[in-house]
C-alpha atoms as a PDB file:
ATOM      1  CA  MET A   1      36.417  42.475  18.856  1.00  0.00           C
ATOM      2  CA  LEU A   2      33.583  44.680  17.656  1.00  0.00           C
ATOM      3  CA  PRO A   3      30.217  42.886  17.618  1.00  0.00           C
ATOM      4  CA  SER A   4      28.573  43.378  14.269  1.00  0.00           C
ATOM      5  CA  ASP A   5      25.658  42.318  12.137  1.00  0.00           C
ATOM      6  CA  ARG A   6      27.233  44.068   9.165  1.00  0.00           C
ATOM      7  CA  THR A   7      30.332  43.490   7.061  1.00  0.00           C
ATOM      8  CA  LEU A   8      33.283  45.624   8.056  1.00  0.00           C
ATOM      9  CA  THR A   9      34.452  47.846   5.226  1.00  0.00           C
ATOM     10  CA  GLU A  10      37.321  50.248   4.766  1.00  0.00           C
ATOM     11  CA  ASP A  11      35.305  53.198   6.058  1.00  0.00           C
ATOM     12  CA  GLY A  12      33.231  51.502   8.737  1.00  0.00           C
ATOM     13  CA  LEU A  13      30.175  49.313   8.987  1.00  0.00           C
ATOM     14  CA  ALA A  14      28.429  49.189   5.633  1.00  0.00           C
ATOM     15  CA  PRO A  15      24.635  49.339   5.784  1.00  0.00           C
ATOM     16  CA  ALA A  16      22.825  46.349   4.408  1.00  0.00           C
ATOM     17  CA  GLY A  17      20.031  48.547   3.085  1.00  0.00           C
ATOM     18  CA  GLN A  18      17.318  46.556   4.877  1.00  0.00           C
ATOM     19  CA  GLY A  19      16.142  49.281   7.227  1.00  0.00           C
ATOM     20  CA  SER A  20      14.320  52.540   6.617  1.00  0.00           C
ATOM     21  CA  VAL A  21      16.620  54.681   8.786  1.00  0.00           C
ATOM     22  CA  LEU A  22      20.362  55.065   8.369  1.00  0.00           C
ATOM     23  CA  LEU A  23      22.411  55.883  11.455  1.00  0.00           C
ATOM     24  CA  LEU A  24      25.480  57.720  10.237  1.00  0.00           C
ATOM     25  CA  ALA A  25      27.720  57.447  13.250  1.00  0.00           C
ATOM     26  CA  CYS A  26      31.152  57.965  14.723  1.00  0.00           C
ATOM     27  CA  GLY A  27      33.054  54.681  14.783  1.00  0.00           C
ATOM     28  CA  ALA A  28      33.662  55.193  18.506  1.00  0.00           C
ATOM     29  CA  LEU A  29      29.942  54.540  19.042  1.00  0.00           C
ATOM     30  CA  ALA A  30      29.584  51.396  16.924  1.00  0.00           C
ATOM     31  CA  ARG A  31      29.594  48.910  19.793  1.00  0.00           C
ATOM     32  CA  GLU A  32      27.063  50.887  21.798  1.00  0.00           C
ATOM     33  CA  ILE A  33      24.703  51.399  18.846  1.00  0.00           C
ATOM     34  CA  LEU A  34      24.824  47.730  17.895  1.00  0.00           C
ATOM     35  CA  ALA A  35      24.106  46.764  21.509  1.00  0.00           C
ATOM     36  CA  LEU A  36      21.084  49.060  21.586  1.00  0.00           C
ATOM     37  CA  LYS A  37      19.848  47.712  18.248  1.00  0.00           C
ATOM     38  CA  ALA A  38      20.114  44.127  19.450  1.00  0.00           C
ATOM     39  CA  ALA A  39      18.533  44.786  22.857  1.00  0.00           C
ATOM     40  CA  ASN A  40      15.543  46.618  21.387  1.00  0.00           C
ATOM     41  CA  GLY A  41      15.052  44.728  18.137  1.00  0.00           C
ATOM     42  CA  TRP A  42      15.493  47.869  16.061  1.00  0.00           C
ATOM     43  CA  THR A  43      15.778  46.106  12.730  1.00  0.00           C
ATOM     44  CA  HIS A  44      14.626  49.249  10.903  1.00  0.00           C
ATOM     45  CA  LEU A  45      17.927  50.939  11.775  1.00  0.00           C
ATOM     46  CA  ASP A  46      20.998  50.387   9.583  1.00  0.00           C
ATOM     47  CA  LEU A  47      24.415  51.552  10.712  1.00  0.00           C
ATOM     48  CA  HIS A  48      27.261  53.141   8.823  1.00  0.00           C
ATOM     49  CA  CYS A  49      30.280  54.328  10.799  1.00  0.00           C
ATOM     50  CA  LEU A  50      32.886  56.863   9.855  1.00  0.00           C
ATOM     51  CA  PRO A  51      36.419  56.283  11.187  1.00  0.00           C
ATOM     52  CA  ALA A  52      36.709  57.008  14.903  1.00  0.00           C
ATOM     53  CA  ASP A  53      40.075  58.687  14.399  1.00  0.00           C
ATOM     54  CA  LEU A  54      38.363  61.651  12.728  1.00  0.00           C
ATOM     55  CA  HIS A  55      38.255  62.978  16.285  1.00  0.00           C
ATOM     56  CA  LEU A  56      41.970  63.652  15.970  1.00  0.00           C
ATOM     57  CA  TRP A  57      41.054  66.125  13.216  1.00  0.00           C
ATOM     58  CA  PRO A  58      37.575  67.465  14.085  1.00  0.00           C
ATOM     59  CA  ASP A  59      37.694  69.994  11.253  1.00  0.00           C
ATOM     60  CA  ARG A  60      37.369  67.035   8.860  1.00  0.00           C
ATOM     61  CA  ILE A  61      34.162  65.696  10.409  1.00  0.00           C
ATOM     62  CA  PRO A  62      31.623  67.966   8.627  1.00  0.00           C
ATOM     63  CA  ASP A  63      32.982  67.134   5.159  1.00  0.00           C
ATOM     64  CA  ALA A  64      33.123  63.409   5.955  1.00  0.00           C
ATOM     65  CA  VAL A  65      29.545  63.456   7.224  1.00  0.00           C
ATOM     66  CA  GLU A  66      28.333  65.350   4.167  1.00  0.00           C
ATOM     67  CA  ARG A  67      29.976  62.891   1.782  1.00  0.00           C
ATOM     68  CA  ALA A  68      28.316  59.968   3.543  1.00  0.00           C
ATOM     69  CA  VAL A  69      24.906  61.654   3.683  1.00  0.00           C
ATOM     70  CA  ARG A  70      25.009  62.351  -0.043  1.00  0.00           C
ATOM     71  CA  ARG A  71      26.196  58.812  -0.748  1.00  0.00           C
ATOM     72  CA  TYR A  72      23.451  57.034   1.176  1.00  0.00           C
ATOM     73  CA  ARG A  73      20.455  59.333   1.550  1.00  0.00           C
ATOM     74  CA  ASP A  74      18.593  58.101  -1.543  1.00  0.00           C
ATOM     75  CA  GLN A  75      18.540  54.574  -0.072  1.00  0.00           C
ATOM     76  CA  TYR A  76      16.700  55.570   3.137  1.00  0.00           C
ATOM     77  CA  ASP A  77      13.635  57.403   4.344  1.00  0.00           C
ATOM     78  CA  THR A  78      15.710  59.074   7.075  1.00  0.00           C
ATOM     79  CA  VAL A  79      19.384  59.702   7.780  1.00  0.00           C
ATOM     80  CA  PHE A  80      20.234  60.456  11.417  1.00  0.00           C
ATOM     81  CA  VAL A  81      23.736  61.669  12.288  1.00  0.00           C
ATOM     82  CA  VAL A  82      25.026  60.076  15.482  1.00  0.00           C
ATOM     83  CA  TYR A  83      27.619  62.687  16.312  1.00  0.00           C
ATOM     84  CA  ALA A  84      27.494  65.499  18.822  1.00  0.00           C
ATOM     85  CA  ASP A  85      29.386  68.721  18.030  1.00  0.00           C
ATOM     86  CA  CYS A  86      32.652  66.864  18.736  1.00  0.00           C
ATOM     87  CA  GLY A  87      34.949  69.869  18.578  1.00  0.00           C
ATOM     88  CA  THR A  88      33.659  71.260  15.269  1.00  0.00           C
ATOM     89  CA  GLY A  89      32.632  74.571  16.812  1.00  0.00           C
ATOM     90  CA  GLY A  90      29.084  74.377  15.516  1.00  0.00           C
ATOM     91  CA  LEU A  91      30.164  73.581  11.948  1.00  0.00           C
ATOM     92  CA  LEU A  92      28.708  70.069  12.016  1.00  0.00           C
ATOM     93  CA  GLN A  93      25.333  71.354  13.214  1.00  0.00           C
ATOM     94  CA  ALA A  94      25.337  73.968  10.446  1.00  0.00           C
ATOM     95  CA  ARG A  95      26.247  71.348   7.838  1.00  0.00           C
ATOM     96  CA  CYS A  96      23.523  68.970   9.020  1.00  0.00           C
ATOM     97  CA  ALA A  97      20.984  71.794   8.918  1.00  0.00           C
ATOM     98  CA  ALA A  98      22.015  72.615   5.348  1.00  0.00           C
ATOM     99  CA  LEU A  99      21.682  68.941   4.402  1.00  0.00           C
ATOM    100  CA  GLY A 100      18.308  68.647   6.120  1.00  0.00           C
ATOM    101  CA  VAL A 101      19.324  65.881   8.525  1.00  0.00           C
ATOM    102  CA  GLU A 102      19.122  65.692  12.317  1.00  0.00           C
ATOM    103  CA  MET A 103      21.959  64.890  14.711  1.00  0.00           C
ATOM    104  CA  VAL A 104      22.422  64.036  18.375  1.00  0.00           C
ATOM    105  CA  ALA A 105      22.214  67.057  20.663  1.00  0.00           C
ATOM    106  CA  GLY A 106      25.155  68.022  22.857  1.00  0.00           C
ATOM    107  CA  PRO A 107      28.757  69.174  22.756  1.00  0.00           C
ATOM    108  CA  HIS A 108      30.361  65.704  22.802  1.00  0.00           C
ATOM    109  CA  CYS A 109      29.749  62.058  23.669  1.00  0.00           C
ATOM    110  CA  TYR A 110      30.724  62.573  27.316  1.00  0.00           C
ATOM    111  CA  ALA A 111      27.725  64.898  27.643  1.00  0.00           C
ATOM    112  CA  PHE A 112      25.184  62.674  25.941  1.00  0.00           C
ATOM    113  CA  PHE A 113      26.321  59.537  27.782  1.00  0.00           C
ATOM    114  CA  GLU A 114      25.952  61.403  31.082  1.00  0.00           C
ATOM    115  CA  GLY A 115      22.800  63.139  29.859  1.00  0.00           C
ATOM    116  CA  VAL A 116      23.363  66.621  28.437  1.00  0.00           C
ATOM    117  CA  GLU A 117      21.508  68.414  31.231  1.00  0.00           C
ATOM    118  CA  ALA A 118      23.183  66.394  33.986  1.00  0.00           C
ATOM    119  CA  PHE A 119      26.610  66.930  32.431  1.00  0.00           C
ATOM    120  CA  ALA A 120      26.046  70.686  32.205  1.00  0.00           C
ATOM    121  CA  GLU A 121      25.044  70.839  35.875  1.00  0.00           C
ATOM    122  CA  LYS A 122      28.353  69.221  36.887  1.00  0.00           C
ATOM    123  CA  ALA A 123      30.568  71.019  34.384  1.00  0.00           C
ATOM    124  CA  GLU A 124      31.708  73.841  36.653  1.00  0.00           C
ATOM    125  CA  ASP A 125      32.743  71.431  39.404  1.00  0.00           C
ATOM    126  CA  GLU A 126      34.509  69.113  36.961  1.00  0.00           C
ATOM    127  CA  MET A 127      36.562  71.563  34.928  1.00  0.00           C
ATOM    128  CA  THR A 128      39.707  69.677  35.926  1.00  0.00           C
ATOM    129  CA  ALA A 129      38.345  66.216  35.004  1.00  0.00           C
ATOM    130  CA  PHE A 130      39.516  64.121  32.060  1.00  0.00           C
ATOM    131  CA  TYR A 131      36.865  61.745  30.710  1.00  0.00           C
ATOM    132  CA  LEU A 132      37.036  58.301  29.172  1.00  0.00           C
ATOM    133  CA  THR A 133      34.241  56.168  27.730  1.00  0.00           C
ATOM    134  CA  ASP A 134      34.270  52.394  27.194  1.00  0.00           C
ATOM    135  CA  PHE A 135      35.674  52.964  23.712  1.00  0.00           C
ATOM    136  CA  LEU A 136      38.448  55.278  24.906  1.00  0.00           C
ATOM    137  CA  VAL A 137      39.432  52.907  27.688  1.00  0.00           C
ATOM    138  CA  ARG A 138      39.801  50.108  25.134  1.00  0.00           C
ATOM    139  CA  GLN A 139      41.640  52.393  22.713  1.00  0.00           C
ATOM    140  CA  PHE A 140      43.563  54.502  25.239  1.00  0.00           C
ATOM    141  CA  ASP A 141      46.953  53.968  23.645  1.00  0.00           C
ATOM    142  CA  ALA A 142      45.727  54.623  20.096  1.00  0.00           C
ATOM    143  CA  PHE A 143      43.604  57.687  20.898  1.00  0.00           C
ATOM    144  CA  VAL A 144      45.342  59.293  23.888  1.00  0.00           C
ATOM    145  CA  TRP A 145      48.766  57.934  24.744  1.00  0.00           C
ATOM    146  CA  LYS A 146      50.393  57.801  21.305  1.00  0.00           C
ATOM    147  CA  PRO A 147      48.733  60.840  19.646  1.00  0.00           C
ATOM    148  CA  MET A 148      49.874  62.994  22.553  1.00  0.00           C
ATOM    149  CA  GLY A 149      53.397  61.601  22.245  1.00  0.00           C
ATOM    150  CA  PHE A 150      53.538  60.123  25.732  1.00  0.00           C
ATOM    151  CA  ASP A 151      55.006  56.852  24.427  1.00  0.00           C
ATOM    152  CA  ARG A 152      58.027  58.795  23.197  1.00  0.00           C
ATOM    153  CA  HIS A 153      58.108  61.719  25.611  1.00  0.00           C
ATOM    154  CA  PRO A 154      56.588  60.864  29.014  1.00  0.00           C
ATOM    155  CA  GLU A 155      57.953  64.150  30.319  1.00  0.00           C
ATOM    156  CA  LEU A 156      55.038  65.793  28.465  1.00  0.00           C
ATOM    157  CA  ILE A 157      52.487  64.257  30.824  1.00  0.00           C
ATOM    158  CA  PRO A 158      52.821  66.787  33.677  1.00  0.00           C
ATOM    159  CA  MET A 159      52.960  69.597  31.120  1.00  0.00           C
ATOM    160  CA  MET A 160      49.717  68.552  29.394  1.00  0.00           C
ATOM    161  CA  PHE A 161      47.850  67.110  32.390  1.00  0.00           C
ATOM    162  CA  GLY A 162      49.208  69.281  35.170  1.00  0.00           C
ATOM    163  CA  ASN A 163      45.900  71.140  35.512  1.00  0.00           C
ATOM    164  CA  TYR A 164      43.791  67.989  35.629  1.00  0.00           C
ATOM    165  CA  THR A 165      42.962  66.445  39.000  1.00  0.00           C
ATOM    166  CA  LYS A 166      41.037  63.279  38.178  1.00  0.00           C
ATOM    167  CA  LEU A 167      40.059  60.861  35.450  1.00  0.00           C
ATOM    168  CA  ILE A 168      36.349  60.047  35.245  1.00  0.00           C
ATOM    169  CA  TYR A 169      35.533  56.789  33.528  1.00  0.00           C
ATOM    170  CA  GLN A 170      31.990  57.011  32.168  1.00  0.00           C
ATOM    171  CA  ALA A 171      31.110  53.338  31.979  1.00  0.00           C
ATOM    172  CA  GLN A 172      28.524  52.271  29.432  1.00  0.00           C
ATOM    173  CA  THR A 173      28.703  48.661  30.643  1.00  0.00           C
ATOM    174  CA  GLU A 174      29.475  46.744  33.814  1.00  0.00           C
ATOM    175  CA  ASP A 175      32.881  45.299  32.949  1.00  0.00           C
ATOM    176  CA  PRO A 176      35.478  44.712  35.704  1.00  0.00           C
ATOM    177  CA  ASP A 177      38.253  44.370  33.120  1.00  0.00           C
ATOM    178  CA  LEU A 178      37.505  47.799  31.667  1.00  0.00           C
ATOM    179  CA  ASP A 179      37.298  49.238  35.175  1.00  0.00           C
ATOM    180  CA  ALA A 180      40.775  47.886  35.940  1.00  0.00           C
ATOM    181  CA  LYS A 181      42.142  49.217  32.669  1.00  0.00           C
ATOM    182  CA  ALA A 182      40.596  52.652  33.254  1.00  0.00           C
ATOM    183  CA  ARG A 183      42.108  52.741  36.732  1.00  0.00           C
ATOM    184  CA  GLY A 184      45.460  51.971  35.118  1.00  0.00           C
ATOM    185  CA  CYS A 185      44.971  54.820  32.627  1.00  0.00           C
ATOM    186  CA  ALA A 186      44.427  57.219  35.523  1.00  0.00           C
ATOM    187  CA  ALA A 187      47.599  55.994  37.196  1.00  0.00           C
ATOM    188  CA  ARG A 188      49.606  56.461  33.996  1.00  0.00           C
ATOM    189  CA  LEU A 189      48.420  60.062  33.805  1.00  0.00           C
ATOM    190  CA  GLY A 190      48.983  60.686  37.507  1.00  0.00           C
ATOM    191  CA  LEU A 191      45.297  61.410  38.168  1.00  0.00           C
ATOM    192  CA  ALA A 192      42.802  60.381  40.812  1.00  0.00           C
ATOM    193  CA  TYR A 193      40.254  57.871  39.571  1.00  0.00           C
ATOM    194  CA  GLU A 194      36.449  57.898  39.558  1.00  0.00           C
ATOM    195  CA  ARG A 195      34.160  55.403  37.859  1.00  0.00           C
ATOM    196  CA  ARG A 196      30.685  56.596  36.976  1.00  0.00           C
ATOM    197  CA  PHE A 197      28.162  54.248  35.395  1.00  0.00           C
ATOM    198  CA  THR A 198      26.199  56.173  32.761  1.00  0.00           C
ATOM    199  CA  GLY A 199      24.833  53.430  30.537  1.00  0.00           C
ATOM    200  CA  TYR A 200      23.895  54.788  27.116  1.00  0.00           C
ATOM    201  CA  GLY A 201      22.292  57.991  28.390  1.00  0.00           C
ATOM    202  CA  ASP A 202      20.853  60.331  25.770  1.00  0.00           C
ATOM    203  CA  LEU A 203      22.198  58.109  22.984  1.00  0.00           C
ATOM    204  CA  GLY A 204      19.637  55.427  23.805  1.00  0.00           C
ATOM    205  CA  ARG A 205      16.875  57.996  24.115  1.00  0.00           C
ATOM    206  CA  ALA A 206      17.774  59.616  20.777  1.00  0.00           C
ATOM    207  CA  LEU A 207      17.682  56.295  18.954  1.00  0.00           C
ATOM    208  CA  ALA A 208      14.446  55.270  20.689  1.00  0.00           C
ATOM    209  CA  ARG A 209      12.747  58.342  19.223  1.00  0.00           C
ATOM    210  CA  LEU A 210      13.555  57.039  15.735  1.00  0.00           C
ATOM    211  CA  ALA A 211      11.423  53.988  16.492  1.00  0.00           C
END
């Protein structure tokens, strides 16, 4: 269950309007952001999450972000977009610039959890790696297995993952149950398994700057 100090709404976690900064975030980051808020006492930060499944259609992310920015910006001193590029090909960055709001730096959440510079240094050696975060381990069936059709056509697995060699689980938390589940995900895909503890990486540092 998602920990929350907000009421769940149809389109995510609705801000209570008590803080001065609105975090407009991907729903896949809700648990991590709430954990950081609680650990650091960042009561000035409110959270509103867009549906995590927008990642299945990244071309829809810029429009969804713009709608939310326009909906909430008059209620806050600052709106900060907690998305990386996330497959939008630079369109989200351009949209945020046009709207006058900042966003998290990096190509995707795998990079900012690892640390964008550290991820870039390893990228050439890990071109055949498939990454999972805590969220994607929990939601593996909903965000990987079923969208790719593996529940109906397992014969597609070697076709789509034949060039991958390993699954890297970027762990945000120390959770043996998630580790076991991630190891099982690797086995289902026929990949070697590596667990790498990243914590919150650049996400925590980006939010700390807002304090």
